[in-house]
Amino acid sequence: MVNTSATDPIVAVATGPGRGGIGIVRVSGAAIHEVTQAVLGSRASELAPRHALYAEFLADDGSEIDRGIALYFPAPHSYTGENVLELQGHGGPVVLRMVLARCLQAGRAIGLRIAEPGEFTQRAFLNDRLDLAQAEAVADLIDASTEVGARAAMRSLAGEFSSRAQALTSGLIDLRMLVEATLDFPEEELDFLQQSDAIGRLARIRDDLDQLLKQATQGALLRDGLSVVLVGAPNVGKSSLLNALAGADIAIVTAIPGTTRDRIAQPIDVDGIPLNVIDTAGLRDATDEVEQLGIARTLAEIERADVVVHLVDATSSTSNTAVLERVKQQIAHRIGRAVALLTVHNKIDLLPTTPRVDGEHLYLSAKTGAGVDLLRAELKRVGGWDQDTSGEGVFLARERHLRALAVARDHLALAAEHAAHRAS
């Protein structure tokens, strides 16, 4: 195993794999001037901080590898907080490998090595250019699957989440100082808590924390999305519904029961909320071994789901109780997090009825698309999305952020209870 250090100079191709108009090789470290001198030759002396220089990128024999833009960012005013050199040339994989190899050759004496995945951002975190929430937001911005999610990640990267949390921390530190002053100087006639409106300030902090937790919860939904599992008896239209939600022919649809024998997963963007909709094998007492395996996978998907859509045939008088009970049994196996259950009555195009939502029941036609918009809205609602927000002001958050905020909320509720008891 190669021994690496957080102070080693590092280099990597900073653009994605494949061919493109522009490709970037980035170097970061304390003593990278040797690399700059070797790659740019006599033009290195013309490279001014944060100014673009069009120059040739040279091989060790002085021949041109490529030509493009060189940029130099001196520490600490760079992305990593270290000296950074960026070489922006043509985006072919061969030429980028040649530039990368030249940098490694020129930087051998200073211990230049290939950067580990995410190491440039790790350096930014270690050098206090980004806090942990911002560093994580870099990955979230890159991985965002919807525009709403990308905007939310950008707000986290800009520091909105961190600044809100820091403001709450500062307010709590001020309150703690008042409590400590009251405990340390009981003989004083001044009531520090009463004079400073401590109870009112605590109430305002709790309100701000509740709002922050609400927005963080929405952000976690944007980041993680929802797993939506379509279940039901064979031939009730699960595959047709998947196609209707996706707006494309993803799953094979036939009149033959048991056509779908394995799970089909399809990512779908519903107003900025990423859904992973999973079509499953129909639940019935199958004798075919392949179909039995598909049903076993269906039951496993139910246990992992955020939302289970139980699809029934609205035209059939056959009871769906057996399938529903089987679904509920699998949901009961879930530990820790609740799963939403929505019953959808399909094929209303064959009945004299209209699309509608009636409690936990929804009526639609996957064939004509009537009512599918109602299902999209219901999936967002039962999945926990605040219908009053368009995503503005929401920032991406992770499960541990939610847990920490929830613990803080509970502690502040206890503090408010004690404060009210003291004031009475």
Protein backbone atom coordinates (compact mmCIF):
# COMPACT_ATOMS: atom_id res chain seq x y z
CA MET A 1 0.00 0.00 0.00
CA VAL A 2 1.34 3.44 -0.94
CA ASN A 3 1.94 5.70 2.04
CA THR A 4 0.30 9.06 1.38
CA SER A 5 0.27 12.29 3.32
CA ALA A 6 -2.11 15.24 3.46
CA THR A 7 0.87 17.49 2.68
CA ASP A 8 2.05 15.66 -0.46
CA PRO A 9 1.74 17.70 -3.66
CA ILE A 10 -0.99 16.10 -5.79
CA VAL A 11 -2.08 16.13 -9.42
CA ALA A 12 -5.07 14.78 -11.34
CA VAL A 13 -7.20 15.27 -14.41
CA ALA A 14 -9.98 17.51 -13.10
CA THR A 15 -12.45 17.00 -15.95
CA GLY A 16 -14.63 13.97 -16.56
CA PRO A 17 -13.54 10.96 -18.61
CA GLY A 18 -14.08 10.91 -22.35
CA ARG A 19 -13.46 13.45 -25.09
CA GLY A 20 -14.34 17.12 -24.94
CA GLY A 21 -13.33 20.56 -26.11
CA ILE A 22 -11.43 21.32 -22.90
CA GLY A 23 -9.58 19.13 -20.43
CA ILE A 24 -8.01 20.31 -17.17
CA VAL A 25 -5.03 18.97 -15.25
CA ARG A 26 -4.81 20.39 -11.72
CA VAL A 27 -1.73 20.44 -9.47
CA SER A 28 -1.86 21.42 -5.78
CA GLY A 29 0.89 21.66 -3.18
CA ALA A 30 3.46 23.86 -1.52
CA ALA A 31 6.44 23.53 -3.89
CA ILE A 32 4.83 23.16 -7.31
CA HIS A 33 6.94 25.89 -8.96
CA GLU A 34 9.23 23.15 -10.32
CA VAL A 35 6.28 21.64 -12.19
CA THR A 36 5.27 25.05 -13.50
CA GLN A 37 8.80 25.73 -14.71
CA ALA A 38 9.13 22.34 -16.39
CA VAL A 39 5.77 22.37 -18.19
CA LEU A 40 5.74 26.03 -19.28
CA GLY A 41 9.49 26.52 -19.82
CA SER A 42 10.54 30.14 -20.28
CA ARG A 43 6.89 31.26 -20.24
CA ALA A 44 6.61 30.31 -16.54
CA SER A 45 7.98 33.72 -15.54
CA GLU A 46 4.99 35.36 -17.27
CA LEU A 47 2.44 33.46 -15.18
CA ALA A 48 0.87 35.98 -12.80
CA PRO A 49 -1.51 34.95 -9.99
CA ARG A 50 -5.12 34.59 -11.14
CA HIS A 51 -4.31 35.71 -14.69
CA ALA A 52 -4.71 33.44 -17.71
CA LEU A 53 -1.61 32.73 -19.78
CA TYR A 54 -1.84 31.11 -23.20
CA ALA A 55 1.22 28.92 -23.54
CA GLU A 56 2.67 25.67 -24.84
CA PHE A 57 2.75 22.64 -22.51
CA LEU A 58 6.18 21.10 -23.02
CA ALA A 59 7.52 17.55 -22.86
CA ASP A 60 10.88 16.84 -21.23
CA ASP A 61 12.64 17.13 -24.61
CA GLY A 62 11.13 20.58 -25.22
CA SER A 63 8.56 19.44 -27.78
CA GLU A 64 4.94 20.53 -27.50
CA ILE A 65 2.43 18.20 -25.90
CA ASP A 66 -0.42 20.68 -26.21
CA ARG A 67 -1.12 24.37 -25.93
CA GLY A 68 -3.76 26.07 -23.84
CA ILE A 69 -4.42 28.22 -20.77
CA ALA A 70 -2.31 28.10 -17.61
CA LEU A 71 -3.66 29.55 -14.34
CA TYR A 72 -1.86 29.95 -11.03
CA PHE A 73 -3.59 30.46 -7.67
CA PRO A 74 -1.17 31.07 -4.78
CA ALA A 75 -1.96 29.88 -1.26
CA PRO A 76 -4.12 30.50 0.66
CA HIS A 77 -6.41 32.05 -1.97
CA SER A 78 -7.12 28.90 -3.96
CA TYR A 79 -9.68 26.11 -3.90
CA THR A 80 -7.48 23.84 -1.80
CA GLY A 81 -5.81 26.59 0.24
CA GLU A 82 -2.46 25.52 -1.29
CA ASN A 83 -0.59 26.71 -4.37
CA VAL A 84 -2.62 25.50 -7.35
CA LEU A 85 -1.66 25.23 -11.02
CA GLU A 86 -4.34 24.53 -13.63
CA LEU A 87 -3.46 23.53 -17.17
CA GLN A 88 -6.47 23.86 -19.46
CA GLY A 89 -5.84 22.16 -22.78
CA HIS A 90 -7.72 20.06 -25.28
CA GLY A 91 -10.00 17.43 -23.81
CA GLY A 92 -8.71 14.27 -25.46
CA PRO A 93 -7.86 11.40 -23.10
CA VAL A 94 -4.47 10.76 -24.75
CA VAL A 95 -3.24 14.34 -24.55
CA LEU A 96 -4.48 14.65 -20.96
CA ARG A 97 -2.57 11.50 -20.01
CA MET A 98 0.54 12.98 -21.61
CA VAL A 99 0.21 16.26 -19.68
CA LEU A 100 -0.46 14.34 -16.46
CA ALA A 101 2.59 12.13 -17.01
CA ARG A 102 4.74 15.20 -17.70
CA CYS A 103 3.62 16.81 -14.44
CA LEU A 104 4.41 13.64 -12.49
CA GLN A 105 7.82 13.40 -14.11
CA ALA A 106 8.63 17.05 -13.36
CA GLY A 107 7.37 16.75 -9.78
CA ARG A 108 9.13 13.51 -8.90
CA ALA A 109 11.70 15.33 -6.76
CA ILE A 110 9.02 16.97 -4.61
CA GLY A 111 6.99 13.77 -4.19
CA LEU A 112 4.15 14.72 -6.54
CA ARG A 113 1.56 11.93 -6.75
CA ILE A 114 -1.85 11.21 -8.26
CA ALA A 115 -4.63 12.61 -6.09
CA GLU A 116 -7.04 10.23 -4.40
CA PRO A 117 -10.74 10.61 -5.35
CA GLY A 118 -12.07 13.75 -3.66
CA GLU A 119 -8.65 14.75 -2.31
CA PHE A 120 -8.70 18.29 -3.70
CA THR A 121 -11.92 18.94 -1.77
CA GLN A 122 -10.44 17.17 1.26
CA ARG A 123 -7.52 19.62 1.13
CA ALA A 124 -10.01 22.49 0.96
CA PHE A 125 -11.67 21.16 4.12
CA LEU A 126 -8.39 20.53 5.98
CA ASN A 127 -7.17 24.03 5.10
CA ASP A 128 -10.43 25.69 6.26
CA ARG A 129 -11.51 26.75 2.79
CA LEU A 130 -14.72 24.73 3.21
CA ASP A 131 -16.50 23.36 6.26
CA LEU A 132 -17.76 19.77 6.30
CA ALA A 133 -21.27 20.64 5.09
CA GLN A 134 -19.83 22.62 2.17
CA ALA A 135 -17.37 19.85 1.29
CA GLU A 136 -20.22 17.33 1.18
CA ALA A 137 -22.24 19.78 -0.92
CA VAL A 138 -19.56 19.59 -3.64
CA ALA A 139 -20.34 15.90 -4.13
CA ASP A 140 -24.08 16.57 -3.85
CA LEU A 141 -23.90 19.25 -6.55
CA ILE A 142 -22.03 16.88 -8.87
CA ASP A 143 -24.46 14.03 -8.17
CA ALA A 144 -27.66 16.12 -8.29
CA SER A 145 -30.27 14.39 -10.45
CA THR A 146 -32.72 17.32 -10.66
CA GLU A 147 -32.47 21.10 -11.10
CA VAL A 148 -34.12 21.71 -7.74
CA GLY A 149 -31.58 19.41 -6.10
CA ALA A 150 -28.69 21.18 -7.82
CA ARG A 151 -29.88 24.60 -6.61
CA ALA A 152 -30.27 23.25 -3.08
CA ALA A 153 -26.75 21.80 -3.19
CA MET A 154 -25.42 25.15 -4.36
CA ARG A 155 -27.03 26.87 -1.38
CA SER A 156 -25.27 24.42 0.94
CA LEU A 157 -21.99 24.96 -0.91
CA ALA A 158 -22.43 28.72 -0.53
CA GLY A 159 -22.59 28.17 3.23
CA GLU A 160 -26.27 28.87 3.89
CA PHE A 161 -26.81 25.71 5.96
CA SER A 162 -23.61 26.27 7.94
CA SER A 163 -24.35 29.93 8.67
CA ARG A 164 -27.87 29.12 9.89
CA ALA A 165 -26.53 26.43 12.22
CA GLN A 166 -23.77 28.74 13.47
CA ALA A 167 -26.30 31.49 14.21
CA LEU A 168 -28.29 29.06 16.37
CA THR A 169 -25.11 27.99 18.15
CA SER A 170 -24.17 31.60 18.90
CA GLY A 171 -27.63 32.30 20.31
CA LEU A 172 -27.44 29.26 22.57
CA ILE A 173 -23.97 30.22 23.80
CA ASP A 174 -25.31 33.65 24.79
CA LEU A 175 -28.17 32.02 26.69
CA ARG A 176 -25.80 29.64 28.43
CA MET A 177 -23.72 32.61 29.61
CA LEU A 178 -26.84 34.13 31.19
CA VAL A 179 -27.69 30.86 32.95
CA GLU A 180 -24.13 30.54 34.23
CA ALA A 181 -24.15 34.14 35.47
CA THR A 182 -27.38 33.49 37.37
CA LEU A 183 -25.92 30.36 38.96
CA ASP A 184 -22.55 31.94 39.76
CA PHE A 185 -23.92 35.13 41.35
CA PRO A 186 -27.09 34.14 43.22
CA GLU A 187 -26.54 36.90 45.77
CA GLU A 188 -26.93 39.63 43.16
CA GLU A 189 -30.29 41.34 43.03
CA LEU A 190 -30.26 41.33 39.26
CA ASP A 191 -32.09 38.48 37.53
CA PHE A 192 -29.98 38.06 34.41
CA LEU A 193 -32.46 35.67 32.80
CA GLN A 194 -35.48 37.88 33.36
CA GLN A 195 -33.78 41.12 32.33
CA SER A 196 -32.51 39.62 29.09
CA ASP A 197 -35.86 38.02 28.16
CA ALA A 198 -34.20 34.61 28.20
CA ILE A 199 -37.48 32.72 27.80
CA GLY A 200 -38.43 34.81 24.79
CA ARG A 201 -35.01 34.37 23.25
CA LEU A 202 -35.19 30.62 23.81
CA ALA A 203 -38.60 30.52 22.11
CA ARG A 204 -37.21 32.38 19.09
CA ILE A 205 -34.25 30.01 18.86
CA ARG A 206 -36.64 27.05 18.99
CA ASP A 207 -38.71 28.56 16.18
CA ASP A 208 -35.58 29.09 14.08
CA LEU A 209 -34.45 25.53 14.79
CA ASP A 210 -37.84 24.11 13.79
CA GLN A 211 -37.65 26.02 10.50
CA LEU A 212 -34.09 24.83 9.91
CA LEU A 213 -35.07 21.21 10.60
CA LYS A 214 -38.04 21.51 8.25
CA GLN A 215 -35.85 22.84 5.43
CA ALA A 216 -33.15 20.25 6.15
CA THR A 217 -35.77 17.49 5.97
CA GLN A 218 -36.85 18.75 2.56
CA GLY A 219 -33.19 18.90 1.53
CA ALA A 220 -32.60 15.31 2.59
CA LEU A 221 -35.56 14.29 0.44
CA LEU A 222 -34.05 16.13 -2.54
CA ARG A 223 -30.71 14.43 -1.98
CA ASP A 224 -31.85 10.88 -1.26
CA GLY A 225 -35.10 10.85 -3.24
CA LEU A 226 -37.92 8.40 -2.67
CA SER A 227 -38.08 4.70 -3.38
CA VAL A 228 -41.56 4.00 -4.76
CA VAL A 229 -42.55 0.34 -5.19
CA LEU A 230 -45.51 -0.66 -7.36
CA VAL A 231 -47.17 -3.83 -6.07
CA GLY A 232 -50.36 -5.73 -6.79
CA ALA A 233 -51.81 -8.84 -8.33
CA PRO A 234 -50.77 -9.79 -11.88
CA ASN A 235 -52.30 -7.80 -14.73
CA VAL A 236 -53.59 -4.85 -12.71
CA GLY A 237 -51.46 -2.42 -14.76
CA LYS A 238 -48.27 -1.94 -12.76
CA SER A 239 -46.05 -1.85 -15.84
CA SER A 240 -48.48 0.49 -17.61
CA LEU A 241 -48.38 2.80 -14.60
CA LEU A 242 -44.57 2.80 -14.58
CA ASN A 243 -44.60 3.77 -18.25
CA ALA A 244 -47.16 6.51 -17.59
CA LEU A 245 -45.09 7.97 -14.73
CA ALA A 246 -41.89 7.81 -16.79
CA GLY A 247 -43.50 9.15 -19.95
CA ALA A 248 -41.81 6.36 -21.93
CA ASP A 249 -42.18 2.65 -22.68
CA ILE A 250 -39.88 1.29 -19.98
CA ALA A 251 -41.66 -1.95 -19.12
CA ILE A 252 -43.21 -4.55 -21.44
CA VAL A 253 -47.01 -4.50 -21.29
CA THR A 254 -49.07 -7.54 -22.33
CA ALA A 255 -52.39 -9.09 -21.39
CA ILE A 256 -50.56 -12.18 -20.13
CA PRO A 257 -50.49 -12.34 -16.31
CA GLY A 258 -46.99 -12.64 -14.85
CA THR A 259 -45.19 -10.86 -17.72
CA THR A 260 -43.01 -8.93 -15.25
CA ARG A 261 -40.88 -11.48 -13.43
CA ASP A 262 -38.11 -9.26 -12.10
CA ARG A 263 -37.91 -5.76 -10.70
CA ILE A 264 -37.64 -2.85 -13.14
CA ALA A 265 -36.29 0.36 -11.59
CA GLN A 266 -36.73 3.72 -13.30
CA PRO A 267 -35.53 7.11 -11.97
CA ILE A 268 -38.18 9.79 -12.48
CA ASP A 269 -38.06 13.53 -11.80
CA VAL A 270 -41.35 14.73 -10.29
CA ASP A 271 -41.21 18.52 -9.98
CA GLY A 272 -37.60 18.33 -8.86
CA ILE A 273 -38.06 15.38 -6.48
CA PRO A 274 -36.04 12.33 -7.59
CA LEU A 275 -38.15 9.17 -7.44
CA ASN A 276 -36.87 5.67 -8.04
CA VAL A 277 -40.02 3.87 -9.19
CA ILE A 278 -39.80 0.08 -9.10
CA ASP A 279 -42.16 -2.17 -11.05
CA THR A 280 -42.38 -5.62 -9.47
CA ALA A 281 -43.67 -9.09 -10.19
CA GLY A 282 -47.36 -9.57 -9.46
CA LEU A 283 -48.19 -11.11 -6.10
CA ARG A 284 -50.01 -14.42 -6.39
CA ASP A 285 -49.56 -18.09 -5.50
CA ALA A 286 -47.17 -18.93 -8.34
CA THR A 287 -45.91 -22.43 -9.16
CA ASP A 288 -43.30 -21.32 -11.70
CA GLU A 289 -39.85 -21.16 -10.05
CA VAL A 290 -38.76 -18.03 -11.96
CA GLU A 291 -41.95 -16.20 -11.03
CA GLN A 292 -41.55 -17.27 -7.40
CA LEU A 293 -38.09 -15.69 -7.36
CA GLY A 294 -39.58 -12.50 -8.79
CA ILE A 295 -42.25 -12.45 -6.07
CA ALA A 296 -39.57 -12.93 -3.40
CA ARG A 297 -37.76 -9.88 -4.78
CA THR A 298 -41.03 -7.95 -4.72
CA LEU A 299 -41.41 -8.63 -1.00
CA ALA A 300 -37.81 -7.56 -0.40
CA GLU A 301 -38.41 -4.28 -2.28
CA ILE A 302 -41.46 -3.57 -0.10
CA GLU A 303 -39.27 -3.72 3.00
CA ARG A 304 -36.86 -1.16 1.50
CA ALA A 305 -39.50 1.22 0.13
CA ASP A 306 -40.35 4.75 1.22
CA VAL A 307 -43.75 4.57 -0.50
CA VAL A 308 -45.67 1.45 -1.53
CA VAL A 309 -48.29 1.91 -4.24
CA HIS A 310 -50.80 -0.95 -4.01
CA LEU A 311 -52.39 -1.14 -7.46
CA VAL A 312 -55.83 -2.72 -7.93
CA ASP A 313 -58.13 -3.21 -10.91
CA ALA A 314 -61.04 -0.83 -10.49
CA THR A 315 -63.17 -2.90 -12.89
CA SER A 316 -62.77 -6.18 -11.00
CA SER A 317 -65.06 -7.31 -8.22
CA THR A 318 -62.39 -9.75 -7.05
CA SER A 319 -61.22 -8.93 -3.55
CA ASN A 320 -57.67 -7.57 -3.22
CA THR A 321 -57.60 -8.25 0.51
CA ALA A 322 -55.07 -11.10 0.26
CA VAL A 323 -52.54 -9.00 -1.65
CA LEU A 324 -53.05 -6.01 0.66
CA GLU A 325 -52.53 -8.12 3.78
CA ARG A 326 -49.34 -9.56 2.32
CA VAL A 327 -48.07 -6.05 1.63
CA LYS A 328 -48.91 -4.91 5.16
CA GLN A 329 -47.07 -7.89 6.62
CA GLN A 330 -43.92 -6.92 4.76
CA ILE A 331 -44.27 -3.28 5.83
CA ALA A 332 -44.56 -4.44 9.44
CA HIS A 333 -41.03 -5.85 9.14
CA ARG A 334 -39.66 -2.34 8.70
CA ILE A 335 -37.65 -1.07 11.65
CA GLY A 336 -37.12 2.59 12.51
CA ARG A 337 -38.70 4.38 9.53
CA ALA A 338 -42.34 4.33 8.51
CA VAL A 339 -43.42 3.51 4.99
CA ALA A 340 -46.38 5.19 3.30
CA LEU A 341 -49.05 3.00 1.69
CA LEU A 342 -51.22 4.32 -1.11
CA THR A 343 -53.95 2.30 -2.86
CA VAL A 344 -54.40 3.18 -6.54
CA HIS A 345 -57.47 2.02 -8.47
CA ASN A 346 -56.48 1.62 -12.13
CA LYS A 347 -58.45 1.24 -15.39
CA ILE A 348 -61.12 3.85 -14.61
CA ASP A 349 -61.26 4.53 -18.36
CA LEU A 350 -63.49 1.44 -18.47
CA LEU A 351 -65.87 2.90 -15.87
CA PRO A 352 -68.16 5.93 -15.74
CA THR A 353 -65.95 7.72 -13.19
CA THR A 354 -63.36 10.47 -13.06
CA PRO A 355 -59.85 10.70 -11.58
CA ARG A 356 -59.88 11.65 -7.91
CA VAL A 357 -58.21 11.27 -4.54
CA ASP A 358 -60.31 9.85 -1.72
CA GLY A 359 -58.27 9.60 1.47
CA GLU A 360 -55.59 6.96 0.90
CA HIS A 361 -57.28 5.83 -2.32
CA LEU A 362 -56.60 7.31 -5.75
CA TYR A 363 -58.46 6.60 -8.99
CA LEU A 364 -56.73 6.85 -12.38
CA SER A 365 -56.15 5.30 -15.78
CA ALA A 366 -52.57 4.35 -16.57
CA LYS A 367 -53.63 3.68 -20.17
CA THR A 368 -55.01 7.17 -20.91
CA GLY A 369 -52.92 9.05 -18.34
CA ALA A 370 -56.00 10.47 -16.62
CA GLY A 371 -55.19 11.02 -12.94
CA VAL A 372 -51.46 10.30 -13.24
CA ASP A 373 -50.79 13.94 -12.31
CA LEU A 374 -52.79 13.35 -9.12
CA LEU A 375 -50.57 10.36 -8.34
CA ARG A 376 -47.41 12.42 -8.81
CA ALA A 377 -48.72 15.00 -6.34
CA GLU A 378 -49.74 12.30 -3.86
CA LEU A 379 -46.33 10.63 -4.05
CA LYS A 380 -44.72 13.94 -3.10
CA ARG A 381 -47.19 14.48 -0.28
CA VAL A 382 -46.99 11.05 1.34
CA GLY A 383 -43.21 11.08 0.84
CA GLY A 384 -42.94 14.14 3.07
CA TRP A 385 -42.50 17.00 0.59
CA ASP A 386 -43.92 20.33 1.75
CA GLN A 387 -46.47 21.26 -0.90
CA ASP A 388 -46.15 24.96 0.02
CA THR A 389 -42.52 25.15 -1.09
CA SER A 390 -41.07 25.16 -4.58
CA GLY A 391 -37.65 24.23 -3.28
CA GLU A 392 -36.55 27.84 -2.82
CA GLY A 393 -34.61 28.32 0.40
CA VAL A 394 -34.10 24.56 0.78
CA PHE A 395 -30.54 23.26 1.06
CA LEU A 396 -29.32 19.69 0.82
CA ALA A 397 -28.85 17.83 4.09
CA ARG A 398 -27.93 14.34 5.20
CA GLU A 399 -29.47 11.91 7.64
CA ARG A 400 -26.95 12.74 10.36
CA HIS A 401 -27.83 16.44 10.06
CA LEU A 402 -31.49 15.58 10.66
CA ARG A 403 -30.63 13.46 13.68
CA ALA A 404 -28.45 16.19 15.20
CA LEU A 405 -31.12 18.86 14.66
CA ALA A 406 -33.82 16.60 16.11
CA VAL A 407 -31.71 15.95 19.23
CA ALA A 408 -31.13 19.69 19.62
CA ARG A 409 -34.87 20.33 19.25
CA ASP A 410 -35.66 17.83 22.02
CA HIS A 411 -33.07 19.33 24.35
CA LEU A 412 -34.39 22.84 23.78
CA ALA A 413 -37.93 21.65 24.48
CA LEU A 414 -36.70 20.32 27.82
CA ALA A 415 -34.91 23.60 28.53
CA ALA A 416 -38.08 25.56 27.76
CA GLU A 417 -40.05 23.32 30.11
CA HIS A 418 -37.58 23.96 32.95
CA ALA A 419 -37.55 27.70 32.21
CA ALA A 420 -41.34 27.87 32.32
CA HIS A 421 -41.36 25.96 35.62
CA ARG A 422 -38.81 28.38 37.08
CA ALA A 423 -40.85 31.39 35.99
CA SER A 424 -44.08 30.07 37.51
